[in-house]
C-alpha atoms as a PDB file:
ATOM      1  CA  MET A   1     -14.907  -8.349  -9.228  1.00  0.00           C
ATOM      2  CA  SER A   2     -14.625  -4.821  -7.917  1.00  0.00           C
ATOM      3  CA  ILE A   3     -13.774  -4.377  -4.256  1.00  0.00           C
ATOM      4  CA  ARG A   4     -15.121  -1.271  -2.552  1.00  0.00           C
ATOM      5  CA  PRO A   5     -14.216   0.195   0.831  1.00  0.00           C
ATOM      6  CA  GLY A   6     -16.382  -1.306   3.560  1.00  0.00           C
ATOM      7  CA  SER A   7     -17.240  -4.488   1.655  1.00  0.00           C
ATOM      8  CA  SER A   8     -17.171  -7.881   3.343  1.00  0.00           C
ATOM      9  CA  VAL A   9     -14.956  -9.432   0.653  1.00  0.00           C
ATOM     10  CA  PRO A  10     -11.808 -11.198   1.975  1.00  0.00           C
ATOM     11  CA  PRO A  11      -8.684  -9.046   2.062  1.00  0.00           C
ATOM     12  CA  GLU A  12      -6.798  -8.240  -1.104  1.00  0.00           C
ATOM     13  CA  ARG A  13      -3.078  -8.912  -1.358  1.00  0.00           C
ATOM     14  CA  ILE A  14      -0.168  -6.727  -2.409  1.00  0.00           C
ATOM     15  CA  CYS A  15       3.427  -7.644  -3.147  1.00  0.00           C
ATOM     16  CA  LEU A  16       6.431  -6.221  -1.287  1.00  0.00           C
ATOM     17  CA  ALA A  17       9.661  -6.744  -3.239  1.00  0.00           C
ATOM     18  CA  ARG A  18      12.890  -4.934  -4.159  1.00  0.00           C
ATOM     19  CA  GLY A  19      12.084  -1.924  -1.984  1.00  0.00           C
ATOM     20  CA  SER A  20       8.724  -1.389  -3.674  1.00  0.00           C
ATOM     21  CA  ILE A  21       5.034  -2.020  -3.118  1.00  0.00           C
ATOM     22  CA  TYR A  22       3.224  -3.592  -6.086  1.00  0.00           C
ATOM     23  CA  LEU A  23      -0.522  -3.006  -6.374  1.00  0.00           C
ATOM     24  CA  ASP A  24      -2.997  -4.633  -8.739  1.00  0.00           C
ATOM     25  CA  ARG A  25      -4.971  -2.430 -11.147  1.00  0.00           C
ATOM     26  CA  ASP A  26      -8.313  -3.470  -9.654  1.00  0.00           C
ATOM     27  CA  LEU A  27      -7.182  -2.765  -6.107  1.00  0.00           C
ATOM     28  CA  CYS A  28      -6.019   0.723  -7.163  1.00  0.00           C
ATOM     29  CA  ALA A  29      -9.298   1.381  -8.983  1.00  0.00           C
ATOM     30  CA  ALA A  30     -11.265   0.393  -5.886  1.00  0.00           C
ATOM     31  CA  TYR A  31      -9.274   2.289  -3.261  1.00  0.00           C
ATOM     32  CA  PHE A  32      -7.018   4.832  -4.990  1.00  0.00           C
ATOM     33  CA  SER A  33      -9.013   6.004  -8.017  1.00  0.00           C
ATOM     34  CA  GLY A  34      -7.710   9.381  -9.158  1.00  0.00           C
ATOM     35  CA  THR A  35      -4.778   9.177  -6.751  1.00  0.00           C
ATOM     36  CA  THR A  36      -1.267   9.949  -7.966  1.00  0.00           C
ATOM     37  CA  ALA A  37       0.588   9.611  -4.657  1.00  0.00           C
ATOM     38  CA  LEU A  38       0.374   7.698  -1.395  1.00  0.00           C
ATOM     39  CA  ALA A  39       1.506   8.319   2.135  1.00  0.00           C
ATOM     40  CA  ALA A  40       3.054   5.258   3.786  1.00  0.00           C
ATOM     41  CA  VAL A  41       2.608   5.718   7.529  1.00  0.00           C
ATOM     42  CA  VAL A  42       2.804   3.828  10.796  1.00  0.00           C
ATOM     43  CA  ARG A  43       0.163   4.572  13.440  1.00  0.00           C
ATOM     44  CA  GLY A  44      -0.493   2.601  16.590  1.00  0.00           C
ATOM     45  CA  GLY A  45       1.953  -0.131  15.594  1.00  0.00           C
ATOM     46  CA  ARG A  46       0.228  -0.722  12.248  1.00  0.00           C
ATOM     47  CA  ALA A  47       1.287   0.153   8.689  1.00  0.00           C
ATOM     48  CA  TYR A  48      -1.036   1.992   6.281  1.00  0.00           C
ATOM     49  CA  LEU A  49      -1.134   3.295   2.722  1.00  0.00           C
ATOM     50  CA  LEU A  50      -3.142   6.506   2.513  1.00  0.00           C
ATOM     51  CA  PRO A  51      -4.277   8.221  -0.699  1.00  0.00           C
ATOM     52  CA  LEU A  52      -3.054  11.768  -1.280  1.00  0.00           C
ATOM     53  CA  ARG A  53      -4.811  14.171  -3.606  1.00  0.00           C
ATOM     54  CA  GLY A  54      -3.674  17.305  -5.370  1.00  0.00           C
ATOM     55  CA  PRO A  55      -0.410  18.437  -6.932  1.00  0.00           C
ATOM     56  CA  ALA A  56       1.035  19.779  -3.670  1.00  0.00           C
ATOM     57  CA  ALA A  57       0.236  16.679  -1.623  1.00  0.00           C
ATOM     58  CA  GLY A  58       3.733  15.188  -1.858  1.00  0.00           C
ATOM     59  CA  GLY A  59       4.122  11.574  -0.791  1.00  0.00           C
ATOM     60  CA  LEU A  60       5.244   8.522  -2.731  1.00  0.00           C
ATOM     61  CA  LEU A  61       4.467   8.547  -6.444  1.00  0.00           C
ATOM     62  CA  LEU A  62       1.985   5.868  -7.529  1.00  0.00           C
ATOM     63  CA  LYS A  63       3.516   4.890 -10.875  1.00  0.00           C
ATOM     64  CA  VAL A  64       1.903   2.909 -13.676  1.00  0.00           C
ATOM     65  CA  ARG A  65       3.854  -0.344 -13.937  1.00  0.00           C
ATOM     66  CA  ASN A  66       2.543  -1.928 -17.121  1.00  0.00           C
ATOM     67  CA  ALA A  67      -0.049  -1.659 -19.926  1.00  0.00           C
ATOM     68  CA  ARG A  68      -2.610  -3.480 -17.766  1.00  0.00           C
ATOM     69  CA  GLY A  69      -2.536  -0.569 -15.314  1.00  0.00           C
ATOM     70  CA  ASP A  70      -0.933  -2.265 -12.328  1.00  0.00           C
ATOM     71  CA  ARG A  71       0.894   0.212 -10.088  1.00  0.00           C
ATOM     72  CA  VAL A  72       4.116   0.390  -8.104  1.00  0.00           C
ATOM     73  CA  VAL A  73       5.277   2.629  -5.265  1.00  0.00           C
ATOM     74  CA  HIS A  74       8.992   2.855  -4.504  1.00  0.00           C
ATOM     75  CA  ALA A  75       9.075   2.794  -0.706  1.00  0.00           C
ATOM     76  CA  ASP A  76      12.401   1.340   0.412  1.00  0.00           C
ATOM     77  CA  ASP A  77      12.693   3.543   3.533  1.00  0.00           C
ATOM     78  CA  PHE A  78       9.146   2.708   4.623  1.00  0.00           C
ATOM     79  CA  LEU A  79       9.684  -1.016   4.079  1.00  0.00           C
ATOM     80  CA  LEU A  80      12.896  -0.830   6.114  1.00  0.00           C
ATOM     81  CA  THR A  81      10.861   0.506   9.077  1.00  0.00           C
ATOM     82  CA  LEU A  82       8.819  -2.690   8.731  1.00  0.00           C
ATOM     83  CA  GLY A  83      11.977  -4.813   8.817  1.00  0.00           C
ATOM     84  CA  ILE A  84      11.829  -5.584   5.098  1.00  0.00           C
ATOM     85  CA  PRO A  85      15.148  -4.730   3.380  1.00  0.00           C
ATOM     86  CA  GLY A  86      15.355  -4.143  -0.360  1.00  0.00           C
ATOM     87  CA  ASN A  87      16.997  -7.528  -0.908  1.00  0.00           C
ATOM     88  CA  ALA A  88      14.336  -9.492   1.028  1.00  0.00           C
ATOM     89  CA  PRO A  89      12.459 -12.218  -0.858  1.00  0.00           C
ATOM     90  CA  GLU A  90       9.181 -11.265  -2.513  1.00  0.00           C
ATOM     91  CA  ARG A  91       6.415 -11.185   0.081  1.00  0.00           C
ATOM     92  CA  TRP A  92       2.640 -11.087  -0.397  1.00  0.00           C
ATOM     93  CA  VAL A  93       0.611  -9.479   2.393  1.00  0.00           C
ATOM     94  CA  GLY A  94      -3.070  -8.950   2.924  1.00  0.00           C
ATOM     95  CA  VAL A  95      -4.559  -5.472   2.945  1.00  0.00           C
ATOM     96  CA  ARG A  96      -7.958  -4.214   3.991  1.00  0.00           C
ATOM     97  CA  TRP A  97      -9.674  -0.864   4.030  1.00  0.00           C
ATOM     98  CA  ALA A  98      -9.407   0.902   7.393  1.00  0.00           C
ATOM     99  CA  PRO A  99     -12.202   3.499   7.485  1.00  0.00           C
ATOM    100  CA  ASP A 100     -10.797   5.174  10.601  1.00  0.00           C
ATOM    101  CA  MET A 101      -7.572   5.944   8.679  1.00  0.00           C
ATOM    102  CA  ALA A 102      -9.208   6.333   5.231  1.00  0.00           C
ATOM    103  CA  GLY A 103      -6.548   4.031   3.813  1.00  0.00           C
ATOM    104  CA  LEU A 104      -5.320   0.474   3.403  1.00  0.00           C
ATOM    105  CA  LEU A 105      -4.035  -1.422   6.422  1.00  0.00           C
ATOM    106  CA  LEU A 106      -1.141  -3.741   5.629  1.00  0.00           C
ATOM    107  CA  GLU A 107      -1.830  -6.928   7.540  1.00  0.00           C
ATOM    108  CA  GLU A 108       0.854  -9.433   8.577  1.00  0.00           C
ATOM    109  CA  VAL A 109       3.493  -6.689   8.929  1.00  0.00           C
ATOM    110  CA  ALA A 110       4.438  -4.488  11.861  1.00  0.00           C
ATOM    111  CA  PRO A 111       7.085  -1.850  12.475  1.00  0.00           C
ATOM    112  CA  MET A 112      10.281  -3.225  13.963  1.00  0.00           C
ATOM    113  CA  ASP A 113       9.830  -1.222  17.186  1.00  0.00           C
ATOM    114  CA  ALA A 114       6.236  -2.509  17.641  1.00  0.00           C
ATOM    115  CA  ASN A 115       7.340  -6.075  18.462  1.00  0.00           C
END
């Protein structure tokens, strides 16, 4: 099933492990099609992944992880701001499209200074 921004489908899940963010192929196709990099930002005490477009956009490289097309973003500094060190156990968190930010909101996580 394809999930599109603004749909009423329950939130997708991503994996946070070893200083990286692991994203399913279908989730990337739905929200980050044509995207080669992401911005990982904190706004208003919430964490987001925002798509970046164009060669000069910078950001965190959205790498192909396997032949299936799953993706990975190495984001150890960003995860540390969320209180998740590189040696933390694997953690699955819900994400949902946030139209006001034009990106994915990471649910169930908050910056350390937001508590």
